[in-house]
């Protein structure tokens, strides 16, 4: 399958991908995709990403069991970011939290 939309991967062949809960709108995680991860996500109905540290594809939930069932995939206005709307079957974060975004920052967190 060739990606027919003008997806703008970075110089490393990757594009940021944000996963969002389709019902609540909560942002679940941010990861990266290469063309193959995007192709697999679009054709399988489950989220696939590319691990920059391991330099390999990974199927979200293959070790944790918390897969993301994809309902919609969008690209932004510049075609350089992907938005995956779906439902997770369990906690998305490797810490066990439902979302990776659970650490709030405040102005007092800024150091002089």
PDB file of N, CA and C in Angstrom:
ATOM      1  N   UNK A   1       0.843  -1.177   0.000  1.00  0.00           N
ATOM      2  CA  UNK A   1       0.000   0.000   0.000  1.00  0.00           C
ATOM      3  C   UNK A   1       0.887   1.239   0.000  1.00  0.00           C
ATOM      4  N   UNK A   2       0.649   2.122  -0.906  1.00  0.00           N
ATOM      5  CA  UNK A   2       1.360   3.393  -0.963  1.00  0.00           C
ATOM      6  C   UNK A   2       0.511   4.445  -0.253  1.00  0.00           C
ATOM      7  N   UNK A   3       1.155   5.282   0.559  1.00  0.00           N
ATOM      8  CA  UNK A   3       0.429   6.373   1.208  1.00  0.00           C
ATOM      9  C   UNK A   3       0.199   7.457   0.169  1.00  0.00           C
ATOM     10  N   UNK A   4      -1.058   7.702  -0.166  1.00  0.00           N
ATOM     11  CA  UNK A   4      -1.368   8.633  -1.237  1.00  0.00           C
ATOM     12  C   UNK A   4      -1.482  10.071  -0.773  1.00  0.00           C
ATOM     13  N   UNK A   5      -1.665  10.284   0.492  1.00  0.00           N
ATOM     14  CA  UNK A   5      -1.711  11.644   1.036  1.00  0.00           C
ATOM     15  C   UNK A   5      -0.286  12.131   1.246  1.00  0.00           C
ATOM     16  N   UNK A   6      -0.070  13.417   1.147  1.00  0.00           N
ATOM     17  CA  UNK A   6       1.271  13.977   1.287  1.00  0.00           C
ATOM     18  C   UNK A   6       1.681  14.055   2.750  1.00  0.00           C
ATOM     19  N   UNK A   7       2.106  12.925   3.296  1.00  0.00           N
ATOM     20  CA  UNK A   7       2.555  12.872   4.679  1.00  0.00           C
ATOM     21  C   UNK A   7       4.001  13.342   4.722  1.00  0.00           C
ATOM     22  N   UNK A   8       4.294  14.263   5.629  1.00  0.00           N
ATOM     23  CA  UNK A   8       5.639  14.852   5.710  1.00  0.00           C
ATOM     24  C   UNK A   8       6.416  14.239   6.883  1.00  0.00           C
ATOM     25  N   UNK A   9       7.122  13.152   6.590  1.00  0.00           N
ATOM     26  CA  UNK A   9       7.991  12.525   7.577  1.00  0.00           C
ATOM     27  C   UNK A   9       9.237  13.396   7.755  1.00  0.00           C
ATOM     28  N   UNK A  10       9.838  13.373   8.941  1.00  0.00           N
ATOM     29  CA  UNK A  10      11.051  14.165   9.175  1.00  0.00           C
ATOM     30  C   UNK A  10      12.249  13.521   8.487  1.00  0.00           C
ATOM     31  N   UNK A  11      13.438  14.089   8.663  1.00  0.00           N
ATOM     32  CA  UNK A  11      14.637  13.602   7.984  1.00  0.00           C
ATOM     33  C   UNK A  11      14.990  12.168   8.367  1.00  0.00           C
ATOM     34  N   UNK A  12      14.492  11.706   9.524  1.00  0.00           N
ATOM     35  CA  UNK A  12      14.724  10.332   9.965  1.00  0.00           C
ATOM     36  C   UNK A  12      13.624   9.385   9.506  1.00  0.00           C
ATOM     37  N   UNK A  13      12.675   9.912   8.718  1.00  0.00           N
ATOM     38  CA  UNK A  13      11.578   9.079   8.232  1.00  0.00           C
ATOM     39  C   UNK A  13      10.479   8.855   9.248  1.00  0.00           C
ATOM     40  N   UNK A  14      10.377   9.753  10.234  1.00  0.00           N
ATOM     41  CA  UNK A  14       9.387   9.606  11.308  1.00  0.00           C
ATOM     42  C   UNK A  14       8.437  10.787  11.334  1.00  0.00           C
ATOM     43  N   UNK A  15       7.283  10.557  11.955  1.00  0.00           N
ATOM     44  CA  UNK A  15       6.290  11.597  12.146  1.00  0.00           C
ATOM     45  C   UNK A  15       5.692  11.429  13.543  1.00  0.00           C
ATOM     46  N   UNK A  16       5.512  12.532  14.308  1.00  0.00           N
ATOM     47  CA  UNK A  16       4.874  12.406  15.620  1.00  0.00           C
ATOM     48  C   UNK A  16       3.428  11.941  15.469  1.00  0.00           C
ATOM     49  N   UNK A  17       3.010  11.099  16.398  1.00  0.00           N
ATOM     50  CA  UNK A  17       1.645  10.579  16.388  1.00  0.00           C
ATOM     51  C   UNK A  17       1.054  10.700  17.788  1.00  0.00           C
ATOM     52  N   UNK A  18      -0.034  11.422  17.891  1.00  0.00           N
ATOM     53  CA  UNK A  18      -0.727  11.627  19.156  1.00  0.00           C
ATOM     54  C   UNK A  18      -1.910  10.670  19.203  1.00  0.00           C
ATOM     55  N   UNK A  19      -2.024   9.933  20.302  1.00  0.00           N
ATOM     56  CA  UNK A  19      -3.184   9.050  20.500  1.00  0.00           C
ATOM     57  C   UNK A  19      -4.143   9.730  21.466  1.00  0.00           C
ATOM     58  N   UNK A  20      -5.416   9.758  21.087  1.00  0.00           N
ATOM     59  CA  UNK A  20      -6.447  10.453  21.856  1.00  0.00           C
ATOM     60  C   UNK A  20      -7.636   9.526  22.043  1.00  0.00           C
ATOM     61  N   UNK A  21      -8.219   9.555  23.234  1.00  0.00           N
ATOM     62  CA  UNK A  21      -9.430   8.780  23.486  1.00  0.00           C
ATOM     63  C   UNK A  21     -10.566   9.387  22.679  1.00  0.00           C
ATOM     64  N   UNK A  22     -11.172   8.591  21.859  1.00  0.00           N
ATOM     65  CA  UNK A  22     -12.206   9.078  20.945  1.00  0.00           C
ATOM     66  C   UNK A  22     -13.467   9.552  21.663  1.00  0.00           C
ATOM     67  N   UNK A  23     -13.740   9.034  22.847  1.00  0.00           N
ATOM     68  CA  UNK A  23     -14.950   9.416  23.579  1.00  0.00           C
ATOM     69  C   UNK A  23     -14.741  10.628  24.482  1.00  0.00           C
ATOM     70  N   UNK A  24     -13.609  10.645  25.204  1.00  0.00           N
ATOM     71  CA  UNK A  24     -13.385  11.709  26.191  1.00  0.00           C
ATOM     72  C   UNK A  24     -12.543  12.861  25.655  1.00  0.00           C
ATOM     73  N   UNK A  25     -11.789  12.622  24.591  1.00  0.00           N
ATOM     74  CA  UNK A  25     -10.892  13.637  24.070  1.00  0.00           C
ATOM     75  C   UNK A  25      -9.566  13.702  24.815  1.00  0.00           C
ATOM     76  N   UNK A  26      -9.392  12.883  25.845  1.00  0.00           N
ATOM     77  CA  UNK A  26      -8.159  12.887  26.618  1.00  0.00           C
ATOM     78  C   UNK A  26      -6.991  12.428  25.748  1.00  0.00           C
ATOM     79  N   UNK A  27      -5.867  13.140  25.842  1.00  0.00           N
ATOM     80  CA  UNK A  27      -4.659  12.734  25.137  1.00  0.00           C
ATOM     81  C   UNK A  27      -4.040  11.570  25.904  1.00  0.00           C
ATOM     82  N   UNK A  28      -3.818  10.474  25.208  1.00  0.00           N
ATOM     83  CA  UNK A  28      -3.300   9.270  25.849  1.00  0.00           C
ATOM     84  C   UNK A  28      -1.781   9.192  25.804  1.00  0.00           C
ATOM     85  N   UNK A  29      -1.205   9.492  24.659  1.00  0.00           N
ATOM     86  CA  UNK A  29       0.243   9.352  24.512  1.00  0.00           C
ATOM     87  C   UNK A  29       0.724  10.051  23.248  1.00  0.00           C
ATOM     88  N   UNK A  30       2.024  10.230  23.176  1.00  0.00           N
ATOM     89  CA  UNK A  30       2.701  10.707  21.983  1.00  0.00           C
ATOM     90  C   UNK A  30       3.784   9.691  21.659  1.00  0.00           C
ATOM     91  N   UNK A  31       3.854   9.292  20.409  1.00  0.00           N
ATOM     92  CA  UNK A  31       4.907   8.385  19.952  1.00  0.00           C
ATOM     93  C   UNK A  31       5.259   8.793  18.532  1.00  0.00           C
ATOM     94  N   UNK A  32       6.059   7.998  17.874  1.00  0.00           N
ATOM     95  CA  UNK A  32       6.454   8.285  16.497  1.00  0.00           C
ATOM     96  C   UNK A  32       6.085   7.124  15.600  1.00  0.00           C
ATOM     97  N   UNK A  33       5.837   7.446  14.336  1.00  0.00           N
ATOM     98  CA  UNK A  33       5.540   6.434  13.330  1.00  0.00           C
ATOM     99  C   UNK A  33       6.485   6.610  12.156  1.00  0.00           C
ATOM    100  N   UNK A  34       6.837   5.499  11.544  1.00  0.00           N
ATOM    101  CA  UNK A  34       7.446   5.570  10.230  1.00  0.00           C
ATOM    102  C   UNK A  34       6.351   5.171   9.234  1.00  0.00           C
ATOM    103  N   UNK A  35       6.662   5.114   7.961  1.00  0.00           N
ATOM    104  CA  UNK A  35       5.636   4.814   6.956  1.00  0.00           C
ATOM    105  C   UNK A  35       4.998   3.452   7.190  1.00  0.00           C
ATOM    106  N   UNK A  36       5.792   2.471   7.601  1.00  0.00           N
ATOM    107  CA  UNK A  36       5.251   1.124   7.825  1.00  0.00           C
ATOM    108  C   UNK A  36       4.313   1.105   9.024  1.00  0.00           C
ATOM    109  N   UNK A  37       4.654   1.807  10.095  1.00  0.00           N
ATOM    110  CA  UNK A  37       3.768   1.862  11.263  1.00  0.00           C
ATOM    111  C   UNK A  37       2.446   2.529  10.898  1.00  0.00           C
ATOM    112  N   UNK A  38       2.507   3.580  10.104  1.00  0.00           N
ATOM    113  CA  UNK A  38       1.279   4.246   9.672  1.00  0.00           C
ATOM    114  C   UNK A  38       0.456   3.330   8.774  1.00  0.00           C
ATOM    115  N   UNK A  39       1.109   2.638   7.867  1.00  0.00           N
ATOM    116  CA  UNK A  39       0.405   1.695   6.986  1.00  0.00           C
ATOM    117  C   UNK A  39      -0.288   0.605   7.812  1.00  0.00           C
ATOM    118  N   UNK A  40       0.438   0.025   8.769  1.00  0.00           N
ATOM    119  CA  UNK A  40      -0.148  -1.040   9.597  1.00  0.00           C
ATOM    120  C   UNK A  40      -1.308  -0.515  10.448  1.00  0.00           C
ATOM    121  N   UNK A  41      -1.168   0.699  10.962  1.00  0.00           N
ATOM    122  CA  UNK A  41      -2.250   1.299  11.750  1.00  0.00           C
ATOM    123  C   UNK A  41      -3.494   1.461  10.887  1.00  0.00           C
ATOM    124  N   UNK A  42      -3.325   1.977   9.688  1.00  0.00           N
ATOM    125  CA  UNK A  42      -4.465   2.214   8.792  1.00  0.00           C
ATOM    126  C   UNK A  42      -5.120   0.914   8.330  1.00  0.00           C
ATOM    127  N   UNK A  43      -4.333  -0.140   8.145  1.00  0.00           N
ATOM    128  CA  UNK A  43      -4.897  -1.382   7.605  1.00  0.00           C
ATOM    129  C   UNK A  43      -5.349  -2.374   8.671  1.00  0.00           C
ATOM    130  N   UNK A  44      -4.759  -2.298   9.882  1.00  0.00           N
ATOM    131  CA  UNK A  44      -5.096  -3.278  10.922  1.00  0.00           C
ATOM    132  C   UNK A  44      -6.188  -2.818  11.873  1.00  0.00           C
ATOM    133  N   UNK A  45      -6.354  -1.489  12.001  1.00  0.00           N
ATOM    134  CA  UNK A  45      -7.319  -0.970  12.965  1.00  0.00           C
ATOM    135  C   UNK A  45      -6.793  -0.934  14.388  1.00  0.00           C
ATOM    136  N   UNK A  46      -5.491  -1.177  14.551  1.00  0.00           N
ATOM    137  CA  UNK A  46      -4.840  -1.072  15.851  1.00  0.00           C
ATOM    138  C   UNK A  46      -3.593  -0.221  15.684  1.00  0.00           C
ATOM    139  N   UNK A  47      -3.177   0.456  16.771  1.00  0.00           N
ATOM    140  CA  UNK A  47      -2.053   1.399  16.697  1.00  0.00           C
ATOM    141  C   UNK A  47      -0.706   0.681  16.645  1.00  0.00           C
ATOM    142  N   UNK A  48       0.119   1.127  15.708  1.00  0.00           N
ATOM    143  CA  UNK A  48       1.511   0.701  15.561  1.00  0.00           C
ATOM    144  C   UNK A  48       2.385   1.941  15.604  1.00  0.00           C
ATOM    145  N   UNK A  49       3.575   1.800  16.176  1.00  0.00           N
ATOM    146  CA  UNK A  49       4.498   2.912  16.272  1.00  0.00           C
ATOM    147  C   UNK A  49       5.902   2.441  15.921  1.00  0.00           C
ATOM    148  N   UNK A  50       6.831   3.397  15.909  1.00  0.00           N
ATOM    149  CA  UNK A  50       8.229   3.072  15.684  1.00  0.00           C
ATOM    150  C   UNK A  50       9.011   3.505  16.912  1.00  0.00           C
ATOM    151  N   UNK A  51       9.749   2.583  17.504  1.00  0.00           N
ATOM    152  CA  UNK A  51      10.559   2.882  18.682  1.00  0.00           C
ATOM    153  C   UNK A  51      11.885   3.486  18.243  1.00  0.00           C
ATOM    154  N   UNK A  52      12.105   4.727  18.636  1.00  0.00           N
ATOM    155  CA  UNK A  52      13.377   5.376  18.299  1.00  0.00           C
ATOM    156  C   UNK A  52      14.536   4.763  19.069  1.00  0.00           C
ATOM    157  N   UNK A  53      14.304   4.321  20.297  1.00  0.00           N
ATOM    158  CA  UNK A  53      15.388   3.747  21.099  1.00  0.00           C
ATOM    159  C   UNK A  53      15.749   2.331  20.643  1.00  0.00           C
ATOM    160  N   UNK A  54      14.756   1.543  20.276  1.00  0.00           N
ATOM    161  CA  UNK A  54      15.011   0.165  19.837  1.00  0.00           C
ATOM    162  C   UNK A  54      15.168   0.044  18.321  1.00  0.00           C
ATOM    163  N   UNK A  55      14.836   1.130  17.608  1.00  0.00           N
ATOM    164  CA  UNK A  55      14.930   1.143  16.147  1.00  0.00           C
ATOM    165  C   UNK A  55      14.117   0.012  15.510  1.00  0.00           C
ATOM    166  N   UNK A  56      12.838  -0.111  15.981  1.00  0.00           N
ATOM    167  CA  UNK A  56      11.979  -1.160  15.436  1.00  0.00           C
ATOM    168  C   UNK A  56      10.516  -0.789  15.570  1.00  0.00           C
ATOM    169  N   UNK A  57       9.689  -1.423  14.763  1.00  0.00           N
ATOM    170  CA  UNK A  57       8.238  -1.255  14.865  1.00  0.00           C
ATOM    171  C   UNK A  57       7.752  -1.882  16.158  1.00  0.00           C
ATOM    172  N   UNK A  58       6.682  -1.319  16.722  1.00  0.00           N
ATOM    173  CA  UNK A  58       6.037  -1.979  17.855  1.00  0.00           C
ATOM    174  C   UNK A  58       4.530  -1.786  17.777  1.00  0.00           C
ATOM    175  N   UNK A  59       3.855  -2.865  18.084  1.00  0.00           N
ATOM    176  CA  UNK A  59       2.399  -2.895  18.122  1.00  0.00           C
ATOM    177  C   UNK A  59       1.995  -2.511  19.533  1.00  0.00           C
ATOM    178  N   UNK A  60       1.288  -1.388  19.684  1.00  0.00           N
ATOM    179  CA  UNK A  60       0.904  -0.913  21.013  1.00  0.00           C
ATOM    180  C   UNK A  60       0.116  -2.000  21.729  1.00  0.00           C
ATOM    181  N   UNK A  61       0.636  -2.432  22.862  1.00  0.00           N
ATOM    182  CA  UNK A  61      -0.028  -3.452  23.661  1.00  0.00           C
ATOM    183  C   UNK A  61       0.534  -4.846  23.478  1.00  0.00           C
ATOM    184  N   UNK A  62       1.535  -5.015  22.618  1.00  0.00           N
ATOM    185  CA  UNK A  62       2.053  -6.361  22.380  1.00  0.00           C
ATOM    186  C   UNK A  62       2.651  -6.977  23.640  1.00  0.00           C
ATOM    187  N   UNK A  63       3.197  -6.167  24.538  1.00  0.00           N
ATOM    188  CA  UNK A  63       3.707  -6.724  25.792  1.00  0.00           C
ATOM    189  C   UNK A  63       2.776  -6.433  26.967  1.00  0.00           C
ATOM    190  N   UNK A  64       2.131  -5.266  26.967  1.00  0.00           N
ATOM    191  CA  UNK A  64       1.271  -4.882  28.093  1.00  0.00           C
ATOM    192  C   UNK A  64      -0.153  -5.405  27.972  1.00  0.00           C
ATOM    193  N   UNK A  65      -0.577  -5.692  26.763  1.00  0.00           N
ATOM    194  CA  UNK A  65      -1.965  -6.099  26.536  1.00  0.00           C
ATOM    195  C   UNK A  65      -2.910  -4.922  26.344  1.00  0.00           C
ATOM    196  N   UNK A  66      -2.409  -3.699  26.505  1.00  0.00           N
ATOM    197  CA  UNK A  66      -3.245  -2.494  26.367  1.00  0.00           C
ATOM    198  C   UNK A  66      -3.143  -1.949  24.941  1.00  0.00           C
ATOM    199  N   UNK A  67      -3.907  -2.533  24.062  1.00  0.00           N
ATOM    200  CA  UNK A  67      -3.887  -2.094  22.670  1.00  0.00           C
ATOM    201  C   UNK A  67      -4.782  -0.867  22.484  1.00  0.00           C
ATOM    202  N   UNK A  68      -4.549  -0.153  21.417  1.00  0.00           N
ATOM    203  CA  UNK A  68      -5.419   0.961  21.053  1.00  0.00           C
ATOM    204  C   UNK A  68      -6.157   0.573  19.778  1.00  0.00           C
ATOM    205  N   UNK A  69      -7.464   0.390  19.909  1.00  0.00           N
ATOM    206  CA  UNK A  69      -8.325   0.128  18.749  1.00  0.00           C
ATOM    207  C   UNK A  69      -8.582   1.459  18.061  1.00  0.00           C
ATOM    208  N   UNK A  70      -8.172   1.563  16.826  1.00  0.00           N
ATOM    209  CA  UNK A  70      -8.232   2.816  16.085  1.00  0.00           C
ATOM    210  C   UNK A  70      -9.608   2.998  15.455  1.00  0.00           C
ATOM    211  N   UNK A  71     -10.173   4.172  15.681  1.00  0.00           N
ATOM    212  CA  UNK A  71     -11.450   4.516  15.044  1.00  0.00           C
ATOM    213  C   UNK A  71     -11.256   5.484  13.887  1.00  0.00           C
ATOM    214  N   UNK A  72     -10.307   6.432  14.052  1.00  0.00           N
ATOM    215  CA  UNK A  72     -10.035   7.423  13.011  1.00  0.00           C
ATOM    216  C   UNK A  72      -8.564   7.795  13.054  1.00  0.00           C
ATOM    217  N   UNK A  73      -8.022   8.124  11.883  1.00  0.00           N
ATOM    218  CA  UNK A  73      -6.663   8.647  11.792  1.00  0.00           C
ATOM    219  C   UNK A  73      -6.730   9.938  10.998  1.00  0.00           C
ATOM    220  N   UNK A  74      -6.141  10.988  11.563  1.00  0.00           N
ATOM    221  CA  UNK A  74      -6.149  12.307  10.953  1.00  0.00           C
ATOM    222  C   UNK A  74      -4.718  12.793  10.776  1.00  0.00           C
ATOM    223  N   UNK A  75      -4.517  13.708   9.850  1.00  0.00           N
ATOM    224  CA  UNK A  75      -3.249  14.423   9.748  1.00  0.00           C
ATOM    225  C   UNK A  75      -3.534  15.891   9.995  1.00  0.00           C
ATOM    226  N   UNK A  76      -2.530  16.626  10.470  1.00  0.00           N
ATOM    227  CA  UNK A  76      -2.740  18.044  10.730  1.00  0.00           C
ATOM    228  C   UNK A  76      -2.618  18.849   9.442  1.00  0.00           C
ATOM    229  N   UNK A  77      -2.808  20.153   9.551  1.00  0.00           N
ATOM    230  CA  UNK A  77      -2.845  21.046   8.388  1.00  0.00           C
ATOM    231  C   UNK A  77      -1.537  21.073   7.608  1.00  0.00           C
ATOM    232  N   UNK A  78      -0.427  20.787   8.279  1.00  0.00           N
ATOM    233  CA  UNK A  78       0.877  20.768   7.614  1.00  0.00           C
ATOM    234  C   UNK A  78       1.287  19.365   7.165  1.00  0.00           C
ATOM    235  N   UNK A  79       0.457  18.388   7.465  1.00  0.00           N
ATOM    236  CA  UNK A  79       0.738  16.977   7.140  1.00  0.00           C
ATOM    237  C   UNK A  79       2.006  16.458   7.814  1.00  0.00           C
ATOM    238  N   UNK A  80       2.353  17.041   8.996  1.00  0.00           N
ATOM    239  CA  UNK A  80       3.559  16.597   9.678  1.00  0.00           C
ATOM    240  C   UNK A  80       3.310  16.068  11.091  1.00  0.00           C
ATOM    241  N   UNK A  81       2.056  15.816  11.411  1.00  0.00           N
ATOM    242  CA  UNK A  81       1.684  15.199  12.682  1.00  0.00           C
ATOM    243  C   UNK A  81       0.430  14.359  12.449  1.00  0.00           C
ATOM    244  N   UNK A  82       0.388  13.197  13.084  1.00  0.00           N
ATOM    245  CA  UNK A  82      -0.745  12.278  12.969  1.00  0.00           C
ATOM    246  C   UNK A  82      -1.530  12.294  14.278  1.00  0.00           C
ATOM    247  N   UNK A  83      -2.851  12.244  14.179  1.00  0.00           N
ATOM    248  CA  UNK A  83      -3.737  12.111  15.339  1.00  0.00           C
ATOM    249  C   UNK A  83      -4.502  10.805  15.188  1.00  0.00           C
ATOM    250  N   UNK A  84      -4.349   9.950  16.184  1.00  0.00           N
ATOM    251  CA  UNK A  84      -5.060   8.674  16.211  1.00  0.00           C
ATOM    252  C   UNK A  84      -6.156   8.782  17.252  1.00  0.00           C
ATOM    253  N   UNK A  85      -7.392   8.625  16.826  1.00  0.00           N
ATOM    254  CA  UNK A  85      -8.509   8.614  17.766  1.00  0.00           C
ATOM    255  C   UNK A  85      -8.945   7.166  17.924  1.00  0.00           C
ATOM    256  N   UNK A  86      -9.001   6.730  19.174  1.00  0.00           N
ATOM    257  CA  UNK A  86      -9.352   5.336  19.407  1.00  0.00           C
ATOM    258  C   UNK A  86      -9.679   5.069  20.859  1.00  0.00           C
ATOM    259  N   UNK A  87      -9.792   3.786  21.175  1.00  0.00           N
ATOM    260  CA  UNK A  87     -10.084   3.330  22.532  1.00  0.00           C
ATOM    261  C   UNK A  87      -9.002   2.357  22.964  1.00  0.00           C
ATOM    262  N   UNK A  88      -8.448   2.629  24.134  1.00  0.00           N
ATOM    263  CA  UNK A  88      -7.437   1.739  24.704  1.00  0.00           C
ATOM    264  C   UNK A  88      -8.120   0.649  25.520  1.00  0.00           C
ATOM    265  N   UNK A  89      -7.552  -0.539  25.475  1.00  0.00           N
ATOM    266  CA  UNK A  89      -8.132  -1.659  26.222  1.00  0.00           C
ATOM    267  C   UNK A  89      -7.645  -1.710  27.663  1.00  0.00           C
ATOM    268  N   UNK A  90      -6.783  -0.767  28.036  1.00  0.00           N
ATOM    269  CA  UNK A  90      -6.253  -0.703  29.399  1.00  0.00           C
ATOM    270  C   UNK A  90      -5.373   0.521  29.522  1.00  0.00           C
ATOM    271  N   UNK A  91      -4.581   0.600  30.596  1.00  0.00           N
ATOM    272  CA  UNK A  91      -3.695   1.744  30.771  1.00  0.00           C
ATOM    273  C   UNK A  91      -2.723   1.861  29.590  1.00  0.00           C
ATOM    274  N   UNK A  92      -2.540   3.068  29.094  1.00  0.00           N
ATOM    275  CA  UNK A  92      -1.670   3.283  27.944  1.00  0.00           C
ATOM    276  C   UNK A  92      -0.219   3.494  28.366  1.00  0.00           C
ATOM    277  N   UNK A  93       0.005   4.155  29.483  1.00  0.00           N
ATOM    278  CA  UNK A  93       1.360   4.486  29.916  1.00  0.00           C
ATOM    279  C   UNK A  93       2.070   3.266  30.507  1.00  0.00           C
ATOM    280  N   UNK A  94       3.386   3.186  30.266  1.00  0.00           N
ATOM    281  CA  UNK A  94       4.171   2.082  30.808  1.00  0.00           C
ATOM    282  C   UNK A  94       4.229   2.104  32.336  1.00  0.00           C
ATOM    283  N   UNK A  95       3.824   3.237  32.959  1.00  0.00           N
ATOM    284  CA  UNK A  95       3.798   3.340  34.420  1.00  0.00           C
ATOM    285  C   UNK A  95       2.535   2.731  35.016  1.00  0.00           C
ATOM    286  N   UNK A  96       1.570   2.385  34.140  1.00  0.00           N
ATOM    287  CA  UNK A  96       0.291   1.871  34.620  1.00  0.00           C
ATOM    288  C   UNK A  96      -0.801   2.916  34.660  1.00  0.00           C
ATOM    289  N   UNK A  97      -0.466   4.166  34.356  1.00  0.00           N
ATOM    290  CA  UNK A  97      -1.462   5.231  34.315  1.00  0.00           C
ATOM    291  C   UNK A  97      -2.278   5.130  33.028  1.00  0.00           C
ATOM    292  N   UNK A  98      -3.521   5.576  33.076  1.00  0.00           N
ATOM    293  CA  UNK A  98      -4.376   5.516  31.882  1.00  0.00           C
ATOM    294  C   UNK A  98      -3.825   6.342  30.722  1.00  0.00           C
ATOM    295  N   UNK A  99      -3.129   7.442  31.029  1.00  0.00           N
ATOM    296  CA  UNK A  99      -2.536   8.321  30.038  1.00  0.00           C
ATOM    297  C   UNK A  99      -1.092   8.602  30.425  1.00  0.00           C
ATOM    298  N   UNK A 100      -0.269   8.931  29.452  1.00  0.00           N
ATOM    299  CA  UNK A 100       1.124   9.301  29.742  1.00  0.00           C
ATOM    300  C   UNK A 100       1.219  10.716  30.304  1.00  0.00           C
ATOM    301  N   UNK A 101       0.146  11.488  30.173  1.00  0.00           N
ATOM    302  CA  UNK A 101       0.153  12.880  30.618  1.00  0.00           C
ATOM    303  C   UNK A 101      -0.533  13.016  31.972  1.00  0.00           C
ATOM    304  N   UNK A 102       0.232  12.732  33.038  1.00  0.00           N
ATOM    305  CA  UNK A 102      -0.324  12.804  34.399  1.00  0.00           C
ATOM    306  C   UNK A 102       0.549  13.636  35.328  1.00  0.00           C
ATOM    307  N   UNK A 103       1.584  14.281  34.794  1.00  0.00           N
ATOM    308  CA  UNK A 103       2.494  15.076  35.613  1.00  0.00           C
ATOM    309  C   UNK A 103       2.360  16.552  35.250  1.00  0.00           C
ATOM    310  N   UNK A 104       1.561  17.245  36.022  1.00  0.00           N
ATOM    311  CA  UNK A 104       1.275  18.653  35.748  1.00  0.00           C
ATOM    312  C   UNK A 104       2.471  19.530  36.108  1.00  0.00           C
ATOM    313  N   UNK A 105       2.751  20.484  35.234  1.00  0.00           N
ATOM    314  CA  UNK A 105       3.784  21.484  35.501  1.00  0.00           C
ATOM    315  C   UNK A 105       3.133  22.793  35.902  1.00  0.00           C
ATOM    316  N   UNK A 106       3.819  23.533  36.774  1.00  0.00           N
ATOM    317  CA  UNK A 106       3.340  24.812  37.275  1.00  0.00           C
ATOM    318  C   UNK A 106       4.439  25.863  37.127  1.00  0.00           C
ATOM    319  N   UNK A 107       4.092  27.152  37.232  1.00  0.00           N
ATOM    320  CA  UNK A 107       5.120  28.203  37.164  1.00  0.00           C
ATOM    321  C   UNK A 107       6.248  27.993  38.182  1.00  0.00           C
ATOM    322  N   UNK A 108       5.943  27.420  39.335  1.00  0.00           N
ATOM    323  CA  UNK A 108       6.989  27.206  40.354  1.00  0.00           C
ATOM    324  C   UNK A 108       8.005  26.160  39.914  1.00  0.00           C
ATOM    325  N   UNK A 109       7.700  25.413  38.856  1.00  0.00           N
ATOM    326  CA  UNK A 109       8.636  24.412  38.347  1.00  0.00           C
ATOM    327  C   UNK A 109       9.749  25.014  37.506  1.00  0.00           C
ATOM    328  N   UNK A 110       9.641  26.314  37.206  1.00  0.00           N
ATOM    329  CA  UNK A 110      10.665  27.004  36.426  1.00  0.00           C
ATOM    330  C   UNK A 110      11.775  27.477  37.347  1.00  0.00           C
ATOM    331  N   UNK A 111      13.004  27.117  37.007  1.00  0.00           N
ATOM    332  CA  UNK A 111      14.158  27.546  37.799  1.00  0.00           C
ATOM    333  C   UNK A 111      14.805  28.763  37.150  1.00  0.00           C
ATOM    334  N   UNK A 112      15.352  29.642  38.003  1.00  0.00           N
ATOM    335  CA  UNK A 112      16.066  30.824  37.495  1.00  0.00           C
ATOM    336  C   UNK A 112      17.440  30.431  37.006  1.00  0.00           C
TER     337      UNK A 112
END
